[in-house]
Amino acid sequence: MINRLFDTSAMNILTKALSASGLTHQVIANNLANVDTPGFKHSEVLFQSRLAAALADQAASGDGLEGARTDSRHLAIGVPADPSEVSPEVVVRAETTLRPDGNNVDLDSEMVKLSENTLMYQALTQLVRGKFSQLRNVITEGRK
């Protein structure tokens, strides 16, 4: 029963977003640690754009027609993407080179990404704290 209180789509998305933000922080730290490594190619985490697309797809799903799947091998037609199924993916960006040694890490860009990610993480933790605060209010109001 208690699991149902925490197993909401909002909490699942917040949990995934916090995990993706933590992974992003690790990737940025790795990029910064290798800023002077010859031939190093920076990496980035793809999550926010995929989550936004899944949420937009889910919001627009009421307008479309959904196809029936009679076999698990059939393609899903008109079925919106599930935002809780979106996972972060680390990709290496090897298509550019900023320096003659082959390294493509831009220190300024990475520092900006680090600041943005820190703010995102703080905002996500505030949202999770708000969810737990709501639960605490429900529990304490029930005692009166």
C-alpha atoms as a PDB file:
ATOM      1  CA  MET A   1       0.000   0.000   0.000  1.00  0.00           C
ATOM      2  CA  ILE A   2       2.759   2.455   0.905  1.00  0.00           C
ATOM      3  CA  ASN A   3       4.394   1.835  -2.480  1.00  0.00           C
ATOM      4  CA  ARG A   4       1.314   3.238  -4.211  1.00  0.00           C
ATOM      5  CA  LEU A   5       1.845   6.571  -2.471  1.00  0.00           C
ATOM      6  CA  PHE A   6       5.275   6.912  -4.067  1.00  0.00           C
ATOM      7  CA  ASP A   7       4.561   5.155  -7.354  1.00  0.00           C
ATOM      8  CA  THR A   8       3.017   8.067  -9.185  1.00  0.00           C
ATOM      9  CA  SER A   9       3.983   9.199 -12.648  1.00  0.00           C
ATOM     10  CA  ALA A  10       5.188  12.560 -11.306  1.00  0.00           C
ATOM     11  CA  MET A  11       7.419  10.903  -8.718  1.00  0.00           C
ATOM     12  CA  ASN A  12       8.758   8.441 -11.296  1.00  0.00           C
ATOM     13  CA  ILE A  13       9.636  11.281 -13.667  1.00  0.00           C
ATOM     14  CA  LEU A  14      11.246  13.282 -10.844  1.00  0.00           C
ATOM     15  CA  THR A  15      13.298  10.238  -9.837  1.00  0.00           C
ATOM     16  CA  LYS A  16      14.499   9.700 -13.407  1.00  0.00           C
ATOM     17  CA  ALA A  17      15.279  13.390 -13.820  1.00  0.00           C
ATOM     18  CA  LEU A  18      17.327  13.396 -10.599  1.00  0.00           C
ATOM     19  CA  SER A  19      19.245  10.336 -11.791  1.00  0.00           C
ATOM     20  CA  ALA A  20      19.849  11.946 -15.176  1.00  0.00           C
ATOM     21  CA  SER A  21      21.060  15.130 -13.486  1.00  0.00           C
ATOM     22  CA  GLY A  22      23.479  13.120 -11.351  1.00  0.00           C
ATOM     23  CA  LEU A  23      24.750  11.322 -14.449  1.00  0.00           C
ATOM     24  CA  THR A  24      25.120  14.663 -16.237  1.00  0.00           C
ATOM     25  CA  HIS A  25      27.212  15.950 -13.362  1.00  0.00           C
ATOM     26  CA  GLN A  26      29.507  12.905 -13.630  1.00  0.00           C
ATOM     27  CA  VAL A  27      29.867  13.344 -17.393  1.00  0.00           C
ATOM     28  CA  ILE A  28      30.668  17.049 -17.063  1.00  0.00           C
ATOM     29  CA  ALA A  29      33.216  16.291 -14.320  1.00  0.00           C
ATOM     30  CA  ASN A  30      34.841  13.736 -16.618  1.00  0.00           C
ATOM     31  CA  ASN A  31      34.951  16.277 -19.448  1.00  0.00           C
ATOM     32  CA  LEU A  32      36.552  18.863 -17.163  1.00  0.00           C
ATOM     33  CA  ALA A  33      39.074  16.350 -15.841  1.00  0.00           C
ATOM     34  CA  ASN A  34      40.161  15.605 -19.405  1.00  0.00           C
ATOM     35  CA  VAL A  35      40.291  19.180 -20.690  1.00  0.00           C
ATOM     36  CA  ASP A  36      44.042  18.846 -21.349  1.00  0.00           C
ATOM     37  CA  THR A  37      44.049  15.222 -22.543  1.00  0.00           C
ATOM     38  CA  PRO A  38      45.118  15.015 -26.202  1.00  0.00           C
ATOM     39  CA  GLY A  39      42.503  13.376 -28.422  1.00  0.00           C
ATOM     40  CA  PHE A  40      39.776  13.385 -25.747  1.00  0.00           C
ATOM     41  CA  LYS A  41      36.222  13.912 -27.059  1.00  0.00           C
ATOM     42  CA  HIS A  42      33.614  15.372 -24.753  1.00  0.00           C
ATOM     43  CA  SER A  43      30.447  13.532 -23.825  1.00  0.00           C
ATOM     44  CA  GLU A  44      26.971  14.721 -22.985  1.00  0.00           C
ATOM     45  CA  VAL A  45      23.781  13.231 -21.598  1.00  0.00           C
ATOM     46  CA  LEU A  46      20.628  13.165 -23.705  1.00  0.00           C
ATOM     47  CA  PHE A  47      17.574  13.248 -21.471  1.00  0.00           C
ATOM     48  CA  GLN A  48      15.776  16.589 -21.224  1.00  0.00           C
ATOM     49  CA  SER A  49      14.866  16.825 -24.903  1.00  0.00           C
ATOM     50  CA  ARG A  50      13.660  13.215 -24.932  1.00  0.00           C
ATOM     51  CA  LEU A  51      11.560  13.725 -21.821  1.00  0.00           C
ATOM     52  CA  ALA A  52      10.073  16.924 -23.259  1.00  0.00           C
ATOM     53  CA  ALA A  53       9.207  15.087 -26.489  1.00  0.00           C
ATOM     54  CA  ALA A  54       7.564  12.237 -24.563  1.00  0.00           C
ATOM     55  CA  LEU A  55       5.540  14.677 -22.451  1.00  0.00           C
ATOM     56  CA  ALA A  56       4.449  16.607 -25.553  1.00  0.00           C
ATOM     57  CA  ASP A  57       3.546  13.345 -27.266  1.00  0.00           C
ATOM     58  CA  GLN A  58       1.499  12.296 -24.246  1.00  0.00           C
ATOM     59  CA  ALA A  59      -0.278  15.659 -24.107  1.00  0.00           C
ATOM     60  CA  ALA A  60      -1.158  15.499 -27.813  1.00  0.00           C
ATOM     61  CA  SER A  61      -2.306  11.869 -27.653  1.00  0.00           C
ATOM     62  CA  GLY A  62      -5.936  12.783 -26.989  1.00  0.00           C
ATOM     63  CA  ASP A  63      -6.229  14.168 -30.516  1.00  0.00           C
ATOM     64  CA  GLY A  64      -5.030  11.108 -32.425  1.00  0.00           C
ATOM     65  CA  LEU A  65      -6.231   7.686 -33.403  1.00  0.00           C
ATOM     66  CA  GLU A  66      -4.679   4.667 -31.736  1.00  0.00           C
ATOM     67  CA  GLY A  67      -4.038   1.491 -33.729  1.00  0.00           C
ATOM     68  CA  ALA A  68      -4.871  -1.923 -32.330  1.00  0.00           C
ATOM     69  CA  ARG A  69      -1.946  -4.308 -31.719  1.00  0.00           C
ATOM     70  CA  THR A  70      -2.919  -7.923 -32.188  1.00  0.00           C
ATOM     71  CA  ASP A  71       0.681  -9.147 -32.013  1.00  0.00           C
ATOM     72  CA  SER A  72       3.599  -7.966 -29.869  1.00  0.00           C
ATOM     73  CA  ARG A  73       5.701  -7.611 -33.052  1.00  0.00           C
ATOM     74  CA  HIS A  74       3.345  -4.964 -34.458  1.00  0.00           C
ATOM     75  CA  LEU A  75       4.420  -1.346 -34.382  1.00  0.00           C
ATOM     76  CA  ALA A  76       2.559   0.898 -31.984  1.00  0.00           C
ATOM     77  CA  ILE A  77       0.510   3.384 -34.016  1.00  0.00           C
ATOM     78  CA  GLY A  78      -0.773   6.494 -32.313  1.00  0.00           C
ATOM     79  CA  VAL A  79       0.348   5.287 -28.869  1.00  0.00           C
ATOM     80  CA  PRO A  80       1.986   8.134 -26.952  1.00  0.00           C
ATOM     81  CA  ALA A  81       5.448   7.673 -25.513  1.00  0.00           C
ATOM     82  CA  ASP A  82       5.493   6.961 -21.790  1.00  0.00           C
ATOM     83  CA  PRO A  83       7.564   9.667 -20.036  1.00  0.00           C
ATOM     84  CA  SER A  84       8.494   7.241 -17.249  1.00  0.00           C
ATOM     85  CA  GLU A  85      10.180   5.010 -19.845  1.00  0.00           C
ATOM     86  CA  VAL A  86      12.583   7.734 -21.007  1.00  0.00           C
ATOM     87  CA  SER A  87      16.153   6.982 -19.928  1.00  0.00           C
ATOM     88  CA  PRO A  88      19.285   9.117 -20.064  1.00  0.00           C
ATOM     89  CA  GLU A  89      21.887   8.230 -22.667  1.00  0.00           C
ATOM     90  CA  VAL A  90      25.538   9.287 -22.693  1.00  0.00           C
ATOM     91  CA  VAL A  91      26.854  10.155 -26.148  1.00  0.00           C
ATOM     92  CA  VAL A  92      30.386  11.038 -27.180  1.00  0.00           C
ATOM     93  CA  ARG A  93      30.602  14.060 -29.467  1.00  0.00           C
ATOM     94  CA  ALA A  94      33.529  13.199 -31.745  1.00  0.00           C
ATOM     95  CA  GLU A  95      32.484  15.249 -34.771  1.00  0.00           C
ATOM     96  CA  THR A  96      34.316  18.427 -33.742  1.00  0.00           C
ATOM     97  CA  THR A  97      37.859  19.331 -32.776  1.00  0.00           C
ATOM     98  CA  LEU A  98      38.727  22.596 -31.063  1.00  0.00           C
ATOM     99  CA  ARG A  99      42.482  22.210 -30.772  1.00  0.00           C
ATOM    100  CA  PRO A 100      45.303  20.757 -32.857  1.00  0.00           C
ATOM    101  CA  ASP A 101      45.744  17.877 -30.372  1.00  0.00           C
ATOM    102  CA  GLY A 102      42.238  16.575 -31.212  1.00  0.00           C
ATOM    103  CA  ASN A 103      40.584  17.532 -27.916  1.00  0.00           C
ATOM    104  CA  ASN A 104      37.147  19.125 -28.269  1.00  0.00           C
ATOM    105  CA  VAL A 105      36.373  20.078 -24.656  1.00  0.00           C
ATOM    106  CA  ASP A 106      35.421  23.759 -24.320  1.00  0.00           C
ATOM    107  CA  LEU A 107      36.133  24.759 -20.729  1.00  0.00           C
ATOM    108  CA  ASP A 108      33.736  27.725 -20.742  1.00  0.00           C
ATOM    109  CA  SER A 109      30.912  25.672 -22.227  1.00  0.00           C
ATOM    110  CA  GLU A 110      31.415  22.876 -19.702  1.00  0.00           C
ATOM    111  CA  MET A 111      31.379  25.340 -16.797  1.00  0.00           C
ATOM    112  CA  VAL A 112      28.090  26.797 -18.054  1.00  0.00           C
ATOM    113  CA  LYS A 113      26.621  23.284 -18.365  1.00  0.00           C
ATOM    114  CA  LEU A 114      27.819  22.515 -14.833  1.00  0.00           C
ATOM    115  CA  SER A 115      26.065  25.619 -13.474  1.00  0.00           C
ATOM    116  CA  GLU A 116      22.860  24.822 -15.369  1.00  0.00           C
ATOM    117  CA  ASN A 117      22.909  21.232 -14.156  1.00  0.00           C
ATOM    118  CA  THR A 118      23.480  22.324 -10.555  1.00  0.00           C
ATOM    119  CA  LEU A 119      20.446  24.620 -10.749  1.00  0.00           C
ATOM    120  CA  MET A 120      18.389  21.846 -12.341  1.00  0.00           C
ATOM    121  CA  TYR A 121      19.355  19.400  -9.606  1.00  0.00           C
ATOM    122  CA  GLN A 122      18.449  21.919  -6.899  1.00  0.00           C
ATOM    123  CA  ALA A 123      15.068  22.596  -8.536  1.00  0.00           C
ATOM    124  CA  LEU A 124      14.337  18.868  -8.811  1.00  0.00           C
ATOM    125  CA  THR A 125      15.214  18.271  -5.161  1.00  0.00           C
ATOM    126  CA  GLN A 126      12.853  21.112  -4.201  1.00  0.00           C
ATOM    127  CA  LEU A 127      10.060  19.415  -6.158  1.00  0.00           C
ATOM    128  CA  VAL A 128      10.726  16.068  -4.472  1.00  0.00           C
ATOM    129  CA  ARG A 129      10.827  17.796  -1.088  1.00  0.00           C
ATOM    130  CA  GLY A 130       7.442  19.345  -1.915  1.00  0.00           C
ATOM    131  CA  LYS A 131       5.972  15.916  -2.712  1.00  0.00           C
ATOM    132  CA  PHE A 132       7.195  14.546   0.619  1.00  0.00           C
ATOM    133  CA  SER A 133       5.886  17.639   2.384  1.00  0.00           C
ATOM    134  CA  GLN A 134       2.448  16.973   0.910  1.00  0.00           C
ATOM    135  CA  LEU A 135       2.570  13.405   2.206  1.00  0.00           C
ATOM    136  CA  ARG A 136       3.669  14.592   5.640  1.00  0.00           C
ATOM    137  CA  ASN A 137       0.753  17.046   5.717  1.00  0.00           C
ATOM    138  CA  VAL A 138      -1.703  14.294   4.832  1.00  0.00           C
ATOM    139  CA  ILE A 139      -0.316  12.047   7.549  1.00  0.00           C
ATOM    140  CA  THR A 140      -0.253  14.704  10.275  1.00  0.00           C
ATOM    141  CA  GLU A 141      -3.701  16.069   9.391  1.00  0.00           C
ATOM    142  CA  GLY A 142      -5.063  12.541   9.680  1.00  0.00           C
ATOM    143  CA  ARG A 143      -4.019  12.375  13.341  1.00  0.00           C
ATOM    144  CA  LYS A 144      -6.227  15.291  14.414  1.00  0.00           C
END
